[in-house]
Amino acid sequence: MGLMKVFLASAMALAIGTGAQTNDPVALAAKVQQRYNGIKDIQADFVQTYEGGVLRTKTTERGTVAIKRPGRMRFTYTKPEKKEFVSDGTRLYTHLVADRQVIVSPAPGPDQGDIPAMFLAGTSDLARDYTPAFTALPGAAAGLVTLQLVPRKKSEEYESIGIGIDPRTLQIQFLTAVDVQGGRSSFAFTNLKENRGLSDKQFEFRIPRGVDVVTNGGRAQ
């Protein structure tokens, strides 16, 4: 599974209406989406875990994320390995620091709503693009309301994604995705900040000197 395909992240704005007090998963997804529609940018710390593969190995990574609508994202991994994923809305840059390599590819567009990070970046819609259901999610903190979201359009990468919602604020604090091989990638978010006026420049990526640059069409330099 490509590294971009496990981009998961989130944070929403002020609570709307009666929070998550509803027995209708479709209505809850719509309310969360409504809340998110008022968000211009998000910052958070995250812990990402992944379980899967032939050996069913488990990995844990930490870092920070910034997202600005529409389509701008910066995931900075700090432990155990330094790497970055940066989208300026047009291109996605994958910087593998230890390998001294940058992979350049087109940024995911509106027709790629199966990618979990896309609804956070403003190019997908929870109520429109997914079928929601109340389901327990492994790894979600106690007290969160959890929804499983199955893509309405069959995905070649994912069986489903899931979100853990603070019932008081409708803030997404947990996000997980199950790929078609049965692997599960999850993000838990803390220190969430919203609408801080992030500049577009924070999502520009400068290719470091001396790295190997690879594009979708092959090696660039």
Protein backbone atom coordinates (compact mmCIF):
# COMPACT_ATOMS: atom_id res chain seq x y z
CA MET A 1 0.00 0.00 0.00
CA GLY A 2 1.41 3.41 -1.00
CA LEU A 3 2.42 5.76 1.79
CA MET A 4 0.03 8.44 0.59
CA LYS A 5 -2.80 5.94 0.86
CA VAL A 6 -2.47 5.83 4.65
CA PHE A 7 -2.80 9.55 5.10
CA LEU A 8 -5.29 9.88 7.89
CA ALA A 9 -5.78 13.02 9.98
CA SER A 10 -8.45 15.31 11.37
CA ALA A 11 -9.86 18.08 13.55
CA MET A 12 -13.11 20.01 13.33
CA ALA A 13 -14.35 23.45 14.65
CA LEU A 14 -16.96 24.56 17.20
CA ALA A 15 -19.81 22.23 18.13
CA ILE A 16 -22.98 22.47 16.06
CA GLY A 17 -26.49 21.88 17.42
CA THR A 18 -26.80 19.04 19.92
CA GLY A 19 -23.41 17.44 19.32
CA ALA A 20 -23.34 13.69 18.69
CA GLN A 21 -26.61 12.97 20.51
CA THR A 22 -28.30 11.10 17.68
CA ASN A 23 -29.14 7.47 16.94
CA ASP A 24 -28.86 8.03 13.20
CA PRO A 25 -25.32 7.48 11.82
CA VAL A 26 -26.18 9.26 8.57
CA ALA A 27 -27.37 12.32 10.48
CA LEU A 28 -24.25 12.30 12.62
CA ALA A 29 -21.97 12.07 9.59
CA ALA A 30 -23.82 15.01 8.04
CA LYS A 31 -23.42 17.08 11.23
CA VAL A 32 -19.71 16.33 11.41
CA GLN A 33 -19.36 17.29 7.76
CA GLN A 34 -21.32 20.50 8.40
CA ARG A 35 -18.96 21.37 11.24
CA TYR A 36 -15.96 20.63 9.05
CA ASN A 37 -17.29 22.87 6.28
CA GLY A 38 -16.63 25.82 8.59
CA ILE A 39 -12.98 24.90 9.07
CA LYS A 40 -10.27 26.62 7.03
CA ASP A 41 -7.23 24.97 8.57
CA ILE A 42 -6.20 22.36 11.16
CA GLN A 43 -3.05 21.60 13.13
CA ALA A 44 -2.41 18.64 15.46
CA ASP A 45 0.07 16.15 16.87
CA PHE A 46 -0.53 12.54 15.91
CA VAL A 47 0.41 8.98 16.74
CA GLN A 48 0.02 6.62 13.79
CA THR A 49 -0.12 2.83 14.12
CA TYR A 50 -0.22 0.28 11.35
CA GLU A 51 -1.00 -3.43 11.66
CA GLY A 52 -0.95 -5.70 8.67
CA GLY A 53 1.16 -7.34 6.02
CA VAL A 54 2.07 -10.98 5.63
CA LEU A 55 3.79 -11.08 9.03
CA ARG A 56 1.05 -9.01 10.71
CA THR A 57 3.66 -6.61 12.02
CA LYS A 58 2.79 -3.49 14.00
CA THR A 59 4.52 -0.13 13.66
CA THR A 60 4.07 3.12 15.58
CA GLU A 61 5.11 6.57 14.35
CA ARG A 62 4.69 10.11 15.65
CA GLY A 63 4.61 13.55 14.13
CA THR A 64 2.62 16.68 13.37
CA VAL A 65 0.05 17.54 10.72
CA ALA A 66 -1.25 20.76 9.17
CA ILE A 67 -4.15 20.89 6.71
CA LYS A 68 -5.59 23.84 4.82
CA ARG A 69 -8.57 23.68 2.54
CA PRO A 70 -8.69 23.11 -0.31
CA GLY A 71 -6.21 20.30 -0.79
CA ARG A 72 -3.15 21.49 1.14
CA MET A 73 -1.53 19.10 3.63
CA ARG A 74 1.77 18.70 5.45
CA PHE A 75 2.49 15.54 7.46
CA THR A 76 5.84 15.71 9.27
CA TYR A 77 6.99 12.45 10.86
CA THR A 78 9.57 12.86 13.62
CA LYS A 79 9.85 9.39 15.24
CA PRO A 80 11.22 6.83 14.69
CA GLU A 81 12.11 7.93 11.14
CA LYS A 82 12.00 11.45 9.72
CA LYS A 83 9.88 11.90 6.59
CA GLU A 84 7.42 14.36 5.10
CA PHE A 85 4.34 14.28 2.91
CA VAL A 86 3.46 17.71 1.52
CA SER A 87 0.67 18.67 -0.87
CA ASP A 88 0.40 22.21 -2.23
CA GLY A 89 -2.92 21.37 -3.85
CA THR A 90 -1.30 20.55 -7.19
CA ARG A 91 1.57 18.19 -6.39
CA LEU A 92 2.29 15.73 -3.60
CA TYR A 93 5.89 15.53 -2.38
CA THR A 94 7.03 12.48 -0.43
CA HIS A 95 10.37 13.22 1.27
CA LEU A 96 12.13 10.14 2.62
CA VAL A 97 14.92 11.75 4.62
CA ALA A 98 16.98 8.64 5.37
CA ASP A 99 16.88 7.57 1.71
CA ARG A 100 17.71 11.10 0.47
CA GLN A 101 14.80 10.78 -1.95
CA VAL A 102 11.81 12.92 -2.96
CA ILE A 103 8.90 11.36 -4.87
CA VAL A 104 6.74 13.84 -6.82
CA SER A 105 3.22 12.89 -7.91
CA PRO A 106 -0.05 14.67 -8.71
CA ALA A 107 -2.08 15.71 -5.68
CA PRO A 108 -5.19 13.55 -5.18
CA GLY A 109 -8.26 15.14 -6.74
CA PRO A 110 -12.02 15.15 -6.10
CA ASP A 111 -12.43 11.84 -7.95
CA GLN A 112 -10.25 10.12 -5.35
CA GLY A 113 -12.62 10.42 -2.40
CA ASP A 114 -11.63 6.94 -1.20
CA ILE A 115 -8.42 8.38 0.22
CA PRO A 116 -9.17 9.11 3.90
CA ALA A 117 -7.36 12.44 4.08
CA MET A 118 -9.36 13.87 1.22
CA PHE A 119 -12.44 14.76 3.26
CA LEU A 120 -10.15 16.62 5.65
CA ALA A 121 -8.62 18.58 2.78
CA GLY A 122 -12.02 19.53 1.43
CA THR A 123 -12.31 17.26 -1.63
CA SER A 124 -14.63 14.60 -0.24
CA ASP A 125 -17.85 14.53 1.80
CA LEU A 126 -18.67 12.15 4.67
CA ALA A 127 -22.40 11.99 4.04
CA ARG A 128 -22.25 12.01 0.25
CA ASP A 129 -19.33 9.66 -0.44
CA TYR A 130 -19.66 7.08 2.38
CA THR A 131 -22.26 4.83 3.99
CA PRO A 132 -21.90 5.34 7.78
CA ALA A 133 -22.70 2.91 10.61
CA PHE A 134 -22.06 2.91 14.36
CA THR A 135 -19.21 0.41 14.86
CA ALA A 136 -16.57 -0.12 17.55
CA LEU A 137 -13.11 0.80 16.23
CA PRO A 138 -9.96 -0.87 17.60
CA GLY A 139 -7.63 1.71 19.13
CA ALA A 140 -10.19 4.49 19.61
CA ALA A 141 -10.10 6.15 23.03
CA ALA A 142 -12.91 5.52 25.49
CA GLY A 143 -15.70 8.08 25.28
CA LEU A 144 -15.49 8.69 21.54
CA VAL A 145 -18.48 7.98 19.31
CA THR A 146 -17.21 5.80 16.47
CA LEU A 147 -18.47 5.52 12.90
CA GLN A 148 -17.44 3.10 10.19
CA LEU A 149 -17.56 4.71 6.73
CA VAL A 150 -17.77 2.44 3.68
CA PRO A 151 -17.06 4.19 0.33
CA ARG A 152 -20.18 4.33 -1.85
CA LYS A 153 -17.90 4.03 -4.87
CA LYS A 154 -15.90 0.80 -4.62
CA SER A 155 -12.28 1.53 -3.71
CA GLU A 156 -9.30 -0.39 -5.02
CA GLU A 157 -7.38 0.49 -1.86
CA TYR A 158 -9.80 0.50 1.09
CA GLU A 159 -12.56 -1.61 2.53
CA SER A 160 -13.60 1.16 4.92
CA ILE A 161 -12.45 4.06 7.05
CA GLY A 162 -13.57 4.98 10.54
CA ILE A 163 -13.70 8.08 12.72
CA GLY A 164 -13.81 8.63 16.46
CA ILE A 165 -15.81 11.74 17.40
CA ASP A 166 -15.87 13.74 20.62
CA PRO A 167 -19.62 13.69 21.41
CA ARG A 168 -19.49 17.17 22.98
CA THR A 169 -17.66 19.07 20.24
CA LEU A 170 -18.04 16.81 17.16
CA GLN A 171 -14.26 17.00 16.84
CA ILE A 172 -12.64 14.05 15.09
CA GLN A 173 -9.89 12.77 17.38
CA PHE A 174 -9.30 9.35 15.81
CA LEU A 175 -9.24 8.09 12.24
CA THR A 176 -8.56 4.60 10.92
CA ALA A 177 -8.59 2.82 7.55
CA VAL A 178 -8.78 -0.87 6.65
CA ASP A 179 -7.16 -1.72 3.33
CA VAL A 180 -8.21 -4.50 0.98
CA GLN A 181 -5.42 -6.75 2.34
CA GLY A 182 -6.80 -6.41 5.86
CA GLY A 183 -4.16 -4.00 7.13
CA ARG A 184 -5.28 -1.24 9.49
CA SER A 185 -3.72 2.22 9.69
CA SER A 186 -4.87 4.51 12.51
CA PHE A 187 -4.20 8.07 13.64
CA ALA A 188 -4.90 9.44 17.13
CA PHE A 189 -4.82 13.25 17.34
CA THR A 190 -3.96 15.55 20.23
CA ASN A 191 -3.30 19.29 20.71
CA LEU A 192 -5.83 20.11 17.99
CA LYS A 193 -5.88 23.71 16.77
CA GLU A 194 -8.31 25.11 14.22
CA ASN A 195 -8.64 28.23 12.05
CA ARG A 196 -5.25 29.67 12.93
CA GLY A 197 -4.85 31.38 9.56
CA LEU A 198 -2.17 29.13 8.10
CA SER A 199 -0.35 30.63 5.12
CA ASP A 200 -0.18 28.89 1.74
CA LYS A 201 3.60 29.19 2.04
CA GLN A 202 3.54 26.63 4.84
CA PHE A 203 2.50 24.05 2.25
CA GLU A 204 5.20 24.85 -0.28
CA PHE A 205 7.95 22.24 -0.57
CA ARG A 206 11.52 23.03 -1.52
CA ILE A 207 13.43 20.04 -2.79
CA PRO A 208 16.65 19.75 -0.76
CA ARG A 209 19.96 19.72 -2.58
CA GLY A 210 21.56 16.37 -3.21
CA VAL A 211 18.41 14.25 -3.05
CA ASP A 212 17.22 11.83 -5.71
CA VAL A 213 13.97 13.06 -7.31
CA VAL A 214 11.53 10.52 -8.73
CA THR A 215 8.31 11.37 -10.55
CA ASN A 216 5.40 9.14 -11.50
CA GLY A 217 7.02 8.81 -14.91
CA GLY A 218 10.41 7.84 -13.55
CA ARG A 219 13.62 9.36 -12.25
CA ALA A 220 13.87 13.13 -12.68
CA GLN A 221 17.37 13.76 -11.34
